[in-house]
Amino acid sequence: MIDYHTHTSLCGHATGRMEEYVEEALRCGLDEIGFSDHLPVKDGKENNLSMAFGDLPEYVRKVAHLRKTFPEIRIKLGIEADYIPGSESYMRDILSRYQFDYVIGSVHYIGTWAFDHPKERNVWEESDVDAVYVEYFELLRKSARTGLFDIMGHSDLVKKFGYRSKADLSNVLSDTAQVFKECDVSVEINTSGLRKPVSEMYPAKDILTVFRKYNIPIVFGSDAHIPEEVGRDFDKAVFLAKQCGYKSYVTYEKRRRSVCDL
């Protein structure tokens, strides 16, 4: 089993030494752990949202060091990159500088609104929830079409605070799955939603079922921001995957995908 979504203290909103994350992965019996801290974005460090640009080389060196220190587990170099329209060239340049094993694409912003940030939760009260959902999934599709990402992260993060669209999203979800298929990306089953107000994994069962219909591959991620969250609730994640008809998951090395039995 793998955990491909873990963070480090370099992003400013996670704690613990990277060694502790690996040690927890070993304790959980994982075969692989992938670090996927936040790719530097403008002003991200000041806002405690991402690594500073100058921290990226240290991050890459640290993962290389951990691979030598812990040969008993496979350690992958990943990164989580926020999709912000207009930033494609910036991201493409940075991503080309390092030999990442995988890149997770995430949508945390609609315009300048960080819709999943606790400090901006009040904006939901002034928003058309149905319209927010439609725009969120449109951004997911746009992000997949950039070709920058291997994995689409927490693909219904928009539900984090429990605000739910009452509209029929079946066409929106089918269109999103179709784009994911055409762009040959995977999706993650991210257990961190169980630790958020929504108390539900990302994505929800109905959405994951649509992805399965289109044969979109899956990976697993805890979105750990403390070592103790590594591998958290993966028994539930595997159960969800099987409920939706999945019989396999995928792993990455140097951005090449391999299939493993579930």
Protein backbone atom coordinates (compact mmCIF):
# COMPACT_ATOMS: atom_id res chain seq x y z
CA MET A 1 0.00 0.00 0.00
CA ILE A 2 1.08 3.57 -0.68
CA ASP A 3 0.54 6.99 0.82
CA TYR A 4 1.28 9.55 -1.87
CA HIS A 5 0.02 12.69 -0.15
CA THR A 6 2.12 13.86 2.78
CA HIS A 7 3.47 17.28 3.71
CA THR A 8 6.44 18.73 5.56
CA SER A 9 7.10 21.64 7.88
CA LEU A 10 8.56 23.55 4.94
CA CYS A 11 5.06 24.52 3.79
CA GLY A 12 4.43 26.42 7.02
CA HIS A 13 1.26 24.60 8.07
CA ALA A 14 2.54 21.08 8.78
CA THR A 15 4.66 19.86 11.67
CA GLY A 16 7.07 17.05 12.41
CA ARG A 17 10.36 15.91 10.92
CA MET A 18 10.27 14.12 7.58
CA GLU A 19 11.97 11.15 9.24
CA GLU A 20 8.95 10.82 11.52
CA TYR A 21 6.62 10.56 8.54
CA VAL A 22 8.73 7.71 7.14
CA GLU A 23 8.86 5.99 10.51
CA GLU A 24 5.07 6.16 10.74
CA ALA A 25 4.78 4.71 7.24
CA LEU A 26 6.94 1.78 8.34
CA ARG A 27 4.85 1.32 11.46
CA CYS A 28 1.72 1.21 9.30
CA GLY A 29 3.26 -1.40 7.02
CA LEU A 30 3.21 0.79 3.90
CA ASP A 31 5.28 -0.26 0.90
CA GLU A 32 5.76 3.32 -0.28
CA ILE A 33 5.46 6.82 1.05
CA GLY A 34 5.52 9.83 -1.21
CA PHE A 35 6.20 13.36 -0.05
CA SER A 36 4.08 15.90 -1.88
CA ASP A 37 4.57 19.23 -0.24
CA HIS A 38 3.16 22.40 -1.77
CA LEU A 39 4.99 23.78 -4.79
CA PRO A 40 6.16 27.34 -4.18
CA VAL A 41 3.65 29.97 -5.24
CA LYS A 42 3.89 33.72 -5.09
CA ASP A 43 3.59 34.88 -1.46
CA GLY A 44 2.79 31.32 -0.40
CA LYS A 45 5.35 31.12 2.41
CA GLU A 46 4.25 34.41 3.92
CA ASN A 47 0.70 33.10 4.03
CA ASN A 48 1.84 29.69 5.31
CA LEU A 49 0.36 28.02 2.25
CA SER A 50 3.39 26.61 0.42
CA MET A 51 7.13 26.23 0.43
CA ALA A 52 9.23 29.28 -0.28
CA PHE A 53 11.03 29.09 -3.60
CA GLY A 54 14.37 28.78 -1.84
CA ASP A 55 13.19 25.75 0.14
CA LEU A 56 12.57 23.55 -2.88
CA PRO A 57 16.20 22.37 -3.35
CA GLU A 58 16.37 21.49 0.35
CA TYR A 59 13.14 19.51 0.02
CA VAL A 60 14.50 17.52 -2.92
CA ARG A 61 17.82 16.86 -1.16
CA LYS A 62 16.03 15.71 1.98
CA VAL A 63 13.98 13.14 0.10
CA ALA A 64 17.17 11.81 -1.52
CA HIS A 65 18.77 11.57 1.92
CA LEU A 66 15.77 9.72 3.36
CA ARG A 67 15.95 7.15 0.57
CA LYS A 68 19.46 6.27 1.71
CA THR A 69 18.51 6.33 5.39
CA PHE A 70 15.45 4.09 4.99
CA PRO A 71 16.22 1.52 2.26
CA GLU A 72 13.50 -0.77 3.63
CA ILE A 73 10.72 1.39 2.17
CA ARG A 74 10.30 3.07 -1.20
CA ILE A 75 10.25 6.85 -0.84
CA LYS A 76 8.94 8.90 -3.73
CA LEU A 77 9.59 12.53 -4.58
CA GLY A 78 6.26 14.15 -5.33
CA ILE A 79 4.88 17.65 -5.24
CA GLU A 80 1.41 19.17 -4.89
CA ALA A 81 0.88 22.07 -7.26
CA ASP A 82 -2.03 24.49 -7.08
CA TYR A 83 -3.70 25.09 -10.41
CA ILE A 84 -4.19 28.81 -10.85
CA PRO A 85 -5.14 29.89 -14.38
CA GLY A 86 -2.33 31.88 -15.91
CA SER A 87 0.40 30.18 -13.85
CA GLU A 88 1.01 27.32 -16.28
CA SER A 89 4.34 28.58 -17.62
CA TYR A 90 5.61 29.26 -14.11
CA MET A 91 4.72 25.75 -12.97
CA ARG A 92 6.05 24.09 -16.10
CA ASP A 93 9.41 25.79 -15.60
CA ILE A 94 9.76 24.76 -11.95
CA LEU A 95 8.55 21.21 -12.49
CA SER A 96 11.07 20.71 -15.28
CA ARG A 97 13.97 21.46 -12.94
CA TYR A 98 13.56 18.37 -10.77
CA GLN A 99 12.96 14.69 -11.39
CA PHE A 100 9.68 14.28 -9.57
CA ASP A 101 8.07 10.87 -9.40
CA TYR A 102 4.61 12.40 -9.61
CA VAL A 103 2.84 15.74 -9.50
CA ILE A 104 -0.51 16.17 -7.76
CA GLY A 105 -2.71 18.86 -9.23
CA SER A 106 -5.04 20.58 -6.79
CA VAL A 107 -7.63 23.32 -6.94
CA HIS A 108 -7.75 25.41 -3.76
CA TYR A 109 -8.73 28.73 -5.31
CA ILE A 110 -11.70 30.03 -7.23
CA GLY A 111 -10.42 33.37 -8.43
CA THR A 112 -8.67 34.80 -5.39
CA TRP A 113 -10.95 32.99 -2.94
CA ALA A 114 -9.25 30.18 -1.00
CA PHE A 115 -12.55 28.36 -0.60
CA ASP A 116 -11.19 25.66 1.71
CA HIS A 117 -9.30 28.01 4.03
CA PRO A 118 -10.91 28.40 7.48
CA LYS A 119 -10.28 32.14 7.46
CA GLU A 120 -12.30 32.51 4.27
CA ARG A 121 -15.15 30.20 5.20
CA ASN A 122 -17.51 33.15 5.65
CA VAL A 123 -17.49 33.75 1.90
CA TRP A 124 -19.56 30.61 1.50
CA GLU A 125 -22.48 32.34 3.19
CA GLU A 126 -22.53 34.94 0.43
CA SER A 127 -22.04 32.50 -2.45
CA ASP A 128 -24.27 30.57 -4.83
CA VAL A 129 -23.21 27.07 -3.78
CA ASP A 130 -24.43 25.45 -7.01
CA ALA A 131 -22.38 27.91 -9.08
CA VAL A 132 -19.32 27.36 -6.90
CA TYR A 133 -19.47 23.61 -7.55
CA VAL A 134 -19.81 24.09 -11.29
CA GLU A 135 -16.84 26.46 -11.36
CA TYR A 136 -14.77 24.16 -9.16
CA PHE A 137 -15.18 21.19 -11.48
CA GLU A 138 -14.52 23.39 -14.50
CA LEU A 139 -11.19 24.33 -12.91
CA LEU A 140 -10.44 20.65 -12.32
CA ARG A 141 -11.00 19.96 -15.99
CA LYS A 142 -8.84 22.90 -17.01
CA SER A 143 -6.07 21.74 -14.70
CA ALA A 144 -6.09 18.24 -16.17
CA ARG A 145 -5.92 19.66 -19.69
CA THR A 146 -2.67 21.51 -18.92
CA GLY A 147 -0.78 18.21 -18.97
CA LEU A 148 1.17 19.34 -15.91
CA PHE A 149 -0.25 16.80 -13.47
CA ASP A 150 -0.21 13.04 -12.98
CA ILE A 151 -2.75 12.84 -10.16
CA MET A 152 -5.78 14.98 -9.44
CA GLY A 153 -5.86 15.72 -5.73
CA HIS A 154 -8.89 15.57 -3.42
CA SER A 155 -11.22 15.97 -6.37
CA ASP A 156 -14.26 17.19 -4.46
CA LEU A 157 -12.44 19.38 -1.95
CA VAL A 158 -15.14 21.97 -2.53
CA LYS A 159 -17.35 20.10 -0.03
CA LYS A 160 -14.85 20.51 2.85
CA PHE A 161 -17.05 22.69 5.09
CA GLY A 162 -20.20 20.74 4.34
CA TYR A 163 -21.75 23.09 1.80
CA ARG A 164 -23.48 20.90 -0.78
CA SER A 165 -24.79 21.65 -4.24
CA LYS A 166 -28.47 20.88 -4.67
CA ALA A 167 -28.19 20.88 -8.45
CA ASP A 168 -27.98 17.79 -10.63
CA LEU A 169 -24.23 17.47 -11.23
CA SER A 170 -24.35 14.22 -13.19
CA ASN A 171 -23.33 15.86 -16.47
CA VAL A 172 -20.64 17.91 -14.73
CA LEU A 173 -19.16 14.78 -13.17
CA SER A 174 -19.33 12.79 -16.40
CA ASP A 175 -17.65 15.61 -18.30
CA THR A 176 -14.93 15.78 -15.64
CA ALA A 177 -14.34 12.03 -15.76
CA GLN A 178 -14.19 12.15 -19.56
CA VAL A 179 -11.54 14.87 -19.44
CA PHE A 180 -9.53 12.95 -16.84
CA LYS A 181 -9.66 9.91 -19.10
CA GLU A 182 -8.57 11.86 -22.17
CA CYS A 183 -5.72 13.49 -20.23
CA ASP A 184 -4.63 10.15 -18.73
CA VAL A 185 -4.53 11.34 -15.13
CA SER A 186 -5.24 9.42 -11.95
CA VAL A 187 -7.33 10.50 -8.98
CA GLU A 188 -6.54 10.03 -5.34
CA ILE A 189 -8.68 8.64 -2.59
CA ASN A 190 -7.79 11.15 0.08
CA THR A 191 -8.74 10.26 3.64
CA SER A 192 -8.22 13.72 5.12
CA GLY A 193 -11.85 14.63 4.52
CA LEU A 194 -12.74 12.32 7.39
CA ARG A 195 -10.84 14.74 9.62
CA LYS A 196 -12.60 17.83 8.24
CA PRO A 197 -16.08 19.28 8.92
CA VAL A 198 -17.57 17.28 6.03
CA SER A 199 -16.46 13.99 7.68
CA GLU A 200 -16.22 12.24 4.32
CA MET A 201 -13.37 11.08 2.14
CA TYR A 202 -12.44 12.84 -1.08
CA PRO A 203 -14.01 11.99 -3.44
CA ALA A 204 -17.43 10.85 -2.30
CA LYS A 205 -18.62 7.39 -3.29
CA ASP A 206 -20.95 8.65 -6.03
CA ILE A 207 -18.13 10.61 -7.67
CA LEU A 208 -15.61 7.79 -7.37
CA THR A 209 -18.17 5.48 -8.98
CA VAL A 210 -18.30 7.80 -11.99
CA PHE A 211 -14.50 7.80 -12.19
CA ARG A 212 -14.50 4.01 -12.05
CA LYS A 213 -17.00 3.90 -14.92
CA TYR A 214 -14.43 5.78 -17.00
CA ASN A 215 -11.56 3.58 -15.74
CA ILE A 216 -9.72 6.44 -14.08
CA PRO A 217 -6.82 4.95 -12.03
CA ILE A 218 -6.53 5.64 -8.31
CA VAL A 219 -3.83 6.27 -5.74
CA PHE A 220 -4.17 6.67 -1.99
CA GLY A 221 -3.23 9.67 0.14
CA SER A 222 -3.67 10.73 3.74
CA ASP A 223 -2.83 14.40 3.18
CA ALA A 224 -0.83 14.07 6.39
CA HIS A 225 0.25 17.31 8.03
CA ILE A 226 1.54 15.55 11.15
CA PRO A 227 3.37 12.21 11.21
CA GLU A 228 0.54 10.44 13.02
CA GLU A 229 -1.77 11.01 10.03
CA VAL A 230 0.30 8.92 7.62
CA GLY A 231 -1.79 5.99 6.39
CA ARG A 232 -4.76 7.17 8.49
CA ASP A 233 -8.07 5.44 7.66
CA PHE A 234 -6.63 3.52 4.72
CA ASP A 235 -8.75 0.50 5.62
CA LYS A 236 -11.79 2.67 4.90
CA ALA A 237 -10.21 3.97 1.70
CA VAL A 238 -9.58 0.46 0.38
CA PHE A 239 -13.12 -0.54 1.30
CA LEU A 240 -14.48 2.47 -0.60
CA ALA A 241 -12.37 1.64 -3.64
CA LYS A 242 -13.64 -1.94 -3.71
CA GLN A 243 -17.22 -0.77 -3.22
CA CYS A 244 -16.85 1.32 -6.35
CA GLY A 245 -15.48 -1.61 -8.32
CA TYR A 246 -11.74 -0.95 -8.24
CA LYS A 247 -9.45 -3.96 -8.28
CA SER A 248 -6.15 -2.12 -8.62
CA TYR A 249 -4.31 1.11 -7.86
CA VAL A 250 -1.27 2.70 -9.46
CA THR A 251 2.18 3.84 -8.41
CA TYR A 252 4.58 6.28 -10.02
CA GLU A 253 8.31 6.46 -10.60
CA LYS A 254 9.84 9.30 -12.60
CA ARG A 255 6.29 10.08 -13.72
CA ARG A 256 5.76 6.62 -15.20
CA ARG A 257 2.75 4.68 -13.97
CA SER A 258 2.57 1.05 -12.86
CA VAL A 259 -0.48 -0.98 -11.84
CA CYS A 260 -0.74 -2.91 -8.56
CA ASP A 261 -3.45 -5.29 -7.38
CA LEU A 262 -5.66 -3.88 -4.69
